[in-house]
Amino acid sequence: QVQLTESGGGLVQAGGSLRLSCTPSGSIFSVDTMGWYRQAPGKERELVATITYSSNTNYADSVKGRFTISRDNAKDTVFLQMNSLRPEDTAVYYCYVSYLDARRSKYWGQGTQVTVSS
């Protein structure tokens, strides 16, 4: 079964930085779009950023200019560099990956906690 291994979350002060990583495993199919979503307590899960295989990116307005998504296709790893973090960025961050199989299967990571203190 496909597993998404996430790392890089933690507790940081406002203005600090974190770098999240996610590496999927367990599928013979090629990875297509990858990305990051987040969910804060009492709120719906929201898009943070996505990146296609050809490195076309899409960002939520709230993180533009502060976060950068990238990927290493040789390792099927997606990264999220988060700079100038704010308390409102506090959330559980979930890795997302879609595959180029017949059903365009989609998977989610278990989530990694990011907490930004003021």
C-alpha atoms as a PDB file:
ATOM      1  CA  GLN A   1       0.000   0.000   0.000  1.00  0.00           C
ATOM      2  CA  VAL A   2       1.154   3.533  -0.698  1.00  0.00           C
ATOM      3  CA  GLN A   3       2.698   5.356   2.228  1.00  0.00           C
ATOM      4  CA  LEU A   4       3.664   9.007   2.419  1.00  0.00           C
ATOM      5  CA  THR A   5       6.465   9.775   4.842  1.00  0.00           C
ATOM      6  CA  GLU A   6       6.422  13.365   6.071  1.00  0.00           C
ATOM      7  CA  SER A   7       9.045  15.179   8.088  1.00  0.00           C
ATOM      8  CA  GLY A   8      10.141  18.653   9.098  1.00  0.00           C
ATOM      9  CA  GLY A   9       7.316  19.889  11.288  1.00  0.00           C
ATOM     10  CA  GLY A  10       7.884  21.393  14.687  1.00  0.00           C
ATOM     11  CA  LEU A  11       7.652  24.433  16.915  1.00  0.00           C
ATOM     12  CA  VAL A  12       9.162  27.710  15.738  1.00  0.00           C
ATOM     13  CA  GLN A  13       8.958  31.364  16.648  1.00  0.00           C
ATOM     14  CA  ALA A  14       7.215  33.886  14.444  1.00  0.00           C
ATOM     15  CA  GLY A  15       9.489  34.913  11.603  1.00  0.00           C
ATOM     16  CA  GLY A  16      11.283  31.596  11.600  1.00  0.00           C
ATOM     17  CA  SER A  17      11.508  28.928   8.939  1.00  0.00           C
ATOM     18  CA  LEU A  18      10.759  25.256   8.485  1.00  0.00           C
ATOM     19  CA  ARG A  19      11.280  22.862   5.597  1.00  0.00           C
ATOM     20  CA  LEU A  20       8.808  20.031   5.134  1.00  0.00           C
ATOM     21  CA  SER A  21       9.584  16.910   3.125  1.00  0.00           C
ATOM     22  CA  CYS A  22       7.375  14.124   1.844  1.00  0.00           C
ATOM     23  CA  THR A  23       8.412  10.923   0.120  1.00  0.00           C
ATOM     24  CA  PRO A  24       5.862   8.384  -1.127  1.00  0.00           C
ATOM     25  CA  SER A  25       6.546   4.683  -1.465  1.00  0.00           C
ATOM     26  CA  GLY A  26       4.750   1.469  -2.273  1.00  0.00           C
ATOM     27  CA  SER A  27       3.417   2.132  -5.778  1.00  0.00           C
ATOM     28  CA  ILE A  28       4.666   1.025  -9.172  1.00  0.00           C
ATOM     29  CA  PHE A  29       2.905   3.913 -10.892  1.00  0.00           C
ATOM     30  CA  SER A  30       4.414   7.261 -11.704  1.00  0.00           C
ATOM     31  CA  VAL A  31       3.782  10.214  -9.436  1.00  0.00           C
ATOM     32  CA  ASP A  32       1.927  13.127 -10.968  1.00  0.00           C
ATOM     33  CA  THR A  33       0.949  16.179  -8.936  1.00  0.00           C
ATOM     34  CA  MET A  34       2.198  16.549  -5.374  1.00  0.00           C
ATOM     35  CA  GLY A  35       1.447  19.156  -2.791  1.00  0.00           C
ATOM     36  CA  TRP A  36       0.692  20.319   0.705  1.00  0.00           C
ATOM     37  CA  TYR A  37      -2.556  21.101   2.470  1.00  0.00           C
ATOM     38  CA  ARG A  38      -3.145  22.216   6.027  1.00  0.00           C
ATOM     39  CA  GLN A  39      -5.886  22.153   8.613  1.00  0.00           C
ATOM     40  CA  ALA A  40      -6.118  24.323  11.693  1.00  0.00           C
ATOM     41  CA  PRO A  41      -8.396  23.512  14.646  1.00  0.00           C
ATOM     42  CA  GLY A  42     -12.000  24.329  13.827  1.00  0.00           C
ATOM     43  CA  LYS A  43     -11.264  25.018  10.174  1.00  0.00           C
ATOM     44  CA  GLU A  44     -11.524  23.098   6.930  1.00  0.00           C
ATOM     45  CA  ARG A  45      -8.518  21.634   5.197  1.00  0.00           C
ATOM     46  CA  GLU A  46      -7.133  24.145   2.735  1.00  0.00           C
ATOM     47  CA  LEU A  47      -4.682  24.177  -0.124  1.00  0.00           C
ATOM     48  CA  VAL A  48      -1.203  25.452   0.642  1.00  0.00           C
ATOM     49  CA  ALA A  49       0.655  24.657  -2.561  1.00  0.00           C
ATOM     50  CA  THR A  50       0.787  22.103  -5.360  1.00  0.00           C
ATOM     51  CA  ILE A  51       3.388  21.230  -7.949  1.00  0.00           C
ATOM     52  CA  THR A  52       3.086  19.214 -11.144  1.00  0.00           C
ATOM     53  CA  TYR A  53       5.646  16.796 -12.523  1.00  0.00           C
ATOM     54  CA  SER A  54       6.888  19.544 -14.823  1.00  0.00           C
ATOM     55  CA  SER A  55       7.198  21.895 -11.816  1.00  0.00           C
ATOM     56  CA  ASN A  56       4.245  24.147 -12.477  1.00  0.00           C
ATOM     57  CA  THR A  57       3.201  25.526  -9.096  1.00  0.00           C
ATOM     58  CA  ASN A  58       0.087  26.870  -7.441  1.00  0.00           C
ATOM     59  CA  TYR A  59      -0.049  28.673  -4.087  1.00  0.00           C
ATOM     60  CA  ALA A  60      -2.698  29.856  -1.705  1.00  0.00           C
ATOM     61  CA  ASP A  61      -2.812  33.639  -1.535  1.00  0.00           C
ATOM     62  CA  SER A  62      -2.019  33.528   2.168  1.00  0.00           C
ATOM     63  CA  VAL A  63       1.407  31.960   1.592  1.00  0.00           C
ATOM     64  CA  LYS A  64       2.539  33.563  -1.663  1.00  0.00           C
ATOM     65  CA  GLY A  65       5.937  35.154  -1.284  1.00  0.00           C
ATOM     66  CA  ARG A  66       6.668  33.247   1.922  1.00  0.00           C
ATOM     67  CA  PHE A  67       6.436  29.558   1.001  1.00  0.00           C
ATOM     68  CA  THR A  68       8.133  27.724  -1.844  1.00  0.00           C
ATOM     69  CA  ILE A  69       7.182  24.275  -3.063  1.00  0.00           C
ATOM     70  CA  SER A  70       9.646  22.149  -5.014  1.00  0.00           C
ATOM     71  CA  ARG A  71      10.221  18.527  -5.940  1.00  0.00           C
ATOM     72  CA  ASP A  72      12.956  16.070  -6.756  1.00  0.00           C
ATOM     73  CA  ASN A  73      11.542  13.793  -9.428  1.00  0.00           C
ATOM     74  CA  ALA A  74      14.424  11.339  -9.147  1.00  0.00           C
ATOM     75  CA  LYS A  75      13.450  10.717  -5.525  1.00  0.00           C
ATOM     76  CA  ASP A  76       9.715  11.424  -5.869  1.00  0.00           C
ATOM     77  CA  THR A  77      10.075  13.848  -2.996  1.00  0.00           C
ATOM     78  CA  VAL A  78       8.201  17.098  -2.500  1.00  0.00           C
ATOM     79  CA  PHE A  79       9.412  19.926  -0.277  1.00  0.00           C
ATOM     80  CA  LEU A  80       7.795  22.969   1.257  1.00  0.00           C
ATOM     81  CA  GLN A  81      10.146  25.716   2.347  1.00  0.00           C
ATOM     82  CA  MET A  82       8.268  27.939   4.786  1.00  0.00           C
ATOM     83  CA  ASN A  83       9.786  31.314   5.597  1.00  0.00           C
ATOM     84  CA  SER A  84       8.506  34.269   7.603  1.00  0.00           C
ATOM     85  CA  LEU A  85       6.180  32.007   9.515  1.00  0.00           C
ATOM     86  CA  ARG A  86       3.229  33.544  11.327  1.00  0.00           C
ATOM     87  CA  PRO A  87       1.081  32.238  14.186  1.00  0.00           C
ATOM     88  CA  GLU A  88      -1.792  31.852  11.732  1.00  0.00           C
ATOM     89  CA  ASP A  89       0.294  29.282   9.852  1.00  0.00           C
ATOM     90  CA  THR A  90      -0.146  26.940  12.805  1.00  0.00           C
ATOM     91  CA  ALA A  91      -1.849  23.790  11.548  1.00  0.00           C
ATOM     92  CA  VAL A  92      -1.395  20.156  10.715  1.00  0.00           C
ATOM     93  CA  TYR A  93       0.220  19.982   7.300  1.00  0.00           C
ATOM     94  CA  TYR A  94      -0.688  17.076   5.040  1.00  0.00           C
ATOM     95  CA  CYS A  95       1.267  15.809   2.086  1.00  0.00           C
ATOM     96  CA  TYR A  96      -0.716  15.028  -1.060  1.00  0.00           C
ATOM     97  CA  VAL A  97       0.205  12.896  -4.052  1.00  0.00           C
ATOM     98  CA  SER A  98      -1.638  11.756  -7.149  1.00  0.00           C
ATOM     99  CA  TYR A  99      -0.595   8.955  -9.480  1.00  0.00           C
ATOM    100  CA  LEU A 100      -0.738   8.352 -13.211  1.00  0.00           C
ATOM    101  CA  ASP A 101      -2.752   5.182 -12.928  1.00  0.00           C
ATOM    102  CA  ALA A 102      -6.111   4.503 -14.559  1.00  0.00           C
ATOM    103  CA  ARG A 103      -8.033   5.927 -11.595  1.00  0.00           C
ATOM    104  CA  ARG A 104      -5.701   8.843 -10.947  1.00  0.00           C
ATOM    105  CA  SER A 105      -5.357   7.623  -7.375  1.00  0.00           C
ATOM    106  CA  LYS A 106      -4.844  10.188  -4.624  1.00  0.00           C
ATOM    107  CA  TYR A 107      -3.222   9.728  -1.238  1.00  0.00           C
ATOM    108  CA  TRP A 108      -2.699  11.763   1.899  1.00  0.00           C
ATOM    109  CA  GLY A 109       0.021  11.671   4.492  1.00  0.00           C
ATOM    110  CA  GLN A 110      -0.680  11.317   8.192  1.00  0.00           C
ATOM    111  CA  GLY A 111       0.118  14.960   8.784  1.00  0.00           C
ATOM    112  CA  THR A 112       2.884  16.823  10.549  1.00  0.00           C
ATOM    113  CA  GLN A 113       2.246  19.509  13.150  1.00  0.00           C
ATOM    114  CA  VAL A 114       3.563  23.013  12.559  1.00  0.00           C
ATOM    115  CA  THR A 115       3.237  25.402  15.485  1.00  0.00           C
ATOM    116  CA  VAL A 116       4.313  29.032  15.253  1.00  0.00           C
ATOM    117  CA  SER A 117       4.561  30.960  18.500  1.00  0.00           C
ATOM    118  CA  SER A 118       4.337  34.726  18.828  1.00  0.00           C
END
